[in-house]
Structures are given as structure tokens and as C-alpha cells.
Amino acid sequence: MKARRPFAPQPGKKLILRKSEVAAAAILPGNRSISDAREDVMSNASNALLWAALYFALSFAAIFVVWFADKMRTNFLGK
């Protein structure tokens, strides 16, 4: 049994150009692809990791603020 490549172009069938490919052909010079233009854009996974790290850091900052406020309160009240 011959292995099939499900996303390989099939002979005799015309590929449909997506709007992004048409726009990229008009904007990008030469034979550059749309993936070259999106080189600096963050992926979903890296964006999620960035937000997770941000929430983690903010939670520690909130804990520190509450601890510091409690320490200042006890110092002012002399307990």
C-alpha cells in the first residue's frame, strides 16, 4: 500500500489562493512568502507563556504588598 500525503497538491486540481496570499503578493517584493513577513509575530504558545509569567509575577507582587502593609500596620500600632 502506497503512503498518501493528505495535504500534497493533487495533479489536475487547481489550488485556491487565500486572501492573505494575494495580499502578500501585492505587498511583499520578490518571492517572499507571508511567513517571512510574520517572522516577528509571537505565536499563541509564546503569548500564553508570557501572560502566565505576568500573572505569576503580579501575584507575588500582590502578596508582597499585603505583607508590607501588614508589617507597616503592626509597626504603627506597636503590636
C-alpha atoms as a PDB file:
ATOM      1  CA  MET A   1       0.000   0.000   0.000  1.00  0.00           C
ATOM      2  CA  LYS A   2       1.377   3.346  -1.052  1.00  0.00           C
ATOM      3  CA  ALA A   3       1.604   6.051   1.629  1.00  0.00           C
ATOM      4  CA  ARG A   4      -0.584   9.079   0.931  1.00  0.00           C
ATOM      5  CA  ARG A   5       0.304  12.626   1.751  1.00  0.00           C
ATOM      6  CA  PRO A   6      -3.050  14.189   2.653  1.00  0.00           C
ATOM      7  CA  PHE A   7      -2.066  17.817   2.073  1.00  0.00           C
ATOM      8  CA  ALA A   8       0.088  17.358  -1.019  1.00  0.00           C
ATOM      9  CA  PRO A   9      -1.113  19.097  -4.199  1.00  0.00           C
ATOM     10  CA  GLN A  10      -3.018  16.690  -6.384  1.00  0.00           C
ATOM     11  CA  PRO A  11      -2.428  16.680 -10.129  1.00  0.00           C
ATOM     12  CA  GLY A  12      -5.178  18.213 -12.197  1.00  0.00           C
ATOM     13  CA  LYS A  13      -6.694  20.227  -9.342  1.00  0.00           C
ATOM     14  CA  LYS A  14      -6.264  23.971  -9.202  1.00  0.00           C
ATOM     15  CA  LEU A  15      -5.274  25.436  -5.833  1.00  0.00           C
ATOM     16  CA  ILE A  16      -7.348  28.256  -4.394  1.00  0.00           C
ATOM     17  CA  LEU A  17      -5.395  31.337  -3.366  1.00  0.00           C
ATOM     18  CA  ARG A  18      -6.273  32.670   0.060  1.00  0.00           C
ATOM     19  CA  LYS A  19      -6.753  36.374   0.628  1.00  0.00           C
ATOM     20  CA  SER A  20      -3.579  36.565   2.720  1.00  0.00           C
ATOM     21  CA  GLU A  21      -1.539  35.085  -0.127  1.00  0.00           C
ATOM     22  CA  VAL A  22      -2.992  37.543  -2.607  1.00  0.00           C
ATOM     23  CA  ALA A  23      -2.338  40.463  -0.236  1.00  0.00           C
ATOM     24  CA  ALA A  24       1.179  39.250   0.483  1.00  0.00           C
ATOM     25  CA  ALA A  25       1.938  39.012  -3.227  1.00  0.00           C
ATOM     26  CA  ALA A  26       0.889  42.644  -3.619  1.00  0.00           C
ATOM     27  CA  ILE A  27       2.826  43.876  -0.571  1.00  0.00           C
ATOM     28  CA  LEU A  28       5.963  41.741  -0.397  1.00  0.00           C
ATOM     29  CA  PRO A  29       8.562  42.148  -3.148  1.00  0.00           C
ATOM     30  CA  GLY A  30      10.021  39.175  -4.983  1.00  0.00           C
ATOM     31  CA  ASN A  31       9.368  35.585  -3.984  1.00  0.00           C
ATOM     32  CA  ARG A  32       8.989  36.169  -0.236  1.00  0.00           C
ATOM     33  CA  SER A  33       6.174  34.304   1.444  1.00  0.00           C
ATOM     34  CA  ILE A  34       3.686  35.528   4.041  1.00  0.00           C
ATOM     35  CA  SER A  35       5.541  33.521   6.717  1.00  0.00           C
ATOM     36  CA  ASP A  36       8.608  35.712   6.131  1.00  0.00           C
ATOM     37  CA  ALA A  37       6.520  38.789   6.875  1.00  0.00           C
ATOM     38  CA  ARG A  38       5.185  37.266  10.108  1.00  0.00           C
ATOM     39  CA  GLU A  39       8.614  36.347  11.387  1.00  0.00           C
ATOM     40  CA  ASP A  40       8.495  38.722  14.362  1.00  0.00           C
ATOM     41  CA  VAL A  41       4.937  37.955  15.460  1.00  0.00           C
ATOM     42  CA  MET A  42       4.562  35.881  18.631  1.00  0.00           C
ATOM     43  CA  SER A  43       2.849  32.519  18.411  1.00  0.00           C
ATOM     44  CA  ASN A  44      -0.137  31.604  20.573  1.00  0.00           C
ATOM     45  CA  ALA A  45       2.026  29.429  22.816  1.00  0.00           C
ATOM     46  CA  SER A  46       4.618  32.128  23.463  1.00  0.00           C
ATOM     47  CA  ASN A  47       1.870  34.674  24.063  1.00  0.00           C
ATOM     48  CA  ALA A  48       0.188  32.340  26.600  1.00  0.00           C
ATOM     49  CA  LEU A  49       3.528  31.746  28.329  1.00  0.00           C
ATOM     50  CA  LEU A  50       4.144  35.477  28.558  1.00  0.00           C
ATOM     51  CA  TRP A  51       0.705  36.088  30.134  1.00  0.00           C
ATOM     52  CA  ALA A  52       1.193  33.195  32.583  1.00  0.00           C
ATOM     53  CA  ALA A  53       4.547  34.626  33.679  1.00  0.00           C
ATOM     54  CA  LEU A  54       2.993  38.077  34.017  1.00  0.00           C
ATOM     55  CA  TYR A  55       0.158  36.785  36.235  1.00  0.00           C
ATOM     56  CA  PHE A  56       2.655  34.788  38.293  1.00  0.00           C
ATOM     57  CA  ALA A  57       4.801  37.883  38.871  1.00  0.00           C
ATOM     58  CA  LEU A  58       1.773  40.049  39.662  1.00  0.00           C
ATOM     59  CA  SER A  59       0.506  37.536  42.214  1.00  0.00           C
ATOM     60  CA  PHE A  60       3.842  37.640  44.037  1.00  0.00           C
ATOM     61  CA  ALA A  61       3.800  41.439  43.901  1.00  0.00           C
ATOM     62  CA  ALA A  62       0.301  41.447  45.434  1.00  0.00           C
ATOM     63  CA  ILE A  63       1.414  39.070  48.207  1.00  0.00           C
ATOM     64  CA  PHE A  64       4.405  41.317  48.931  1.00  0.00           C
ATOM     65  CA  VAL A  65       2.203  44.443  49.054  1.00  0.00           C
ATOM     66  CA  VAL A  66      -0.186  42.796  51.533  1.00  0.00           C
ATOM     67  CA  TRP A  67       2.727  41.562  53.657  1.00  0.00           C
ATOM     68  CA  PHE A  68       4.364  45.002  53.626  1.00  0.00           C
ATOM     69  CA  ALA A  69       1.079  46.742  54.521  1.00  0.00           C
ATOM     70  CA  ASP A  70       0.572  44.342  57.428  1.00  0.00           C
ATOM     71  CA  LYS A  71       4.130  44.941  58.627  1.00  0.00           C
ATOM     72  CA  MET A  72       3.624  48.731  58.476  1.00  0.00           C
ATOM     73  CA  ARG A  73       0.289  48.435  60.308  1.00  0.00           C
ATOM     74  CA  THR A  74       1.840  46.426  63.139  1.00  0.00           C
ATOM     75  CA  ASN A  75       4.711  48.923  63.421  1.00  0.00           C
ATOM     76  CA  PHE A  76       2.354  51.913  63.627  1.00  0.00           C
ATOM     77  CA  LEU A  77       0.108  50.266  66.203  1.00  0.00           C
ATOM     78  CA  GLY A  78       3.043  48.972  68.248  1.00  0.00           C
ATOM     79  CA  LYS A  79       1.935  45.355  68.354  1.00  0.00           C
END
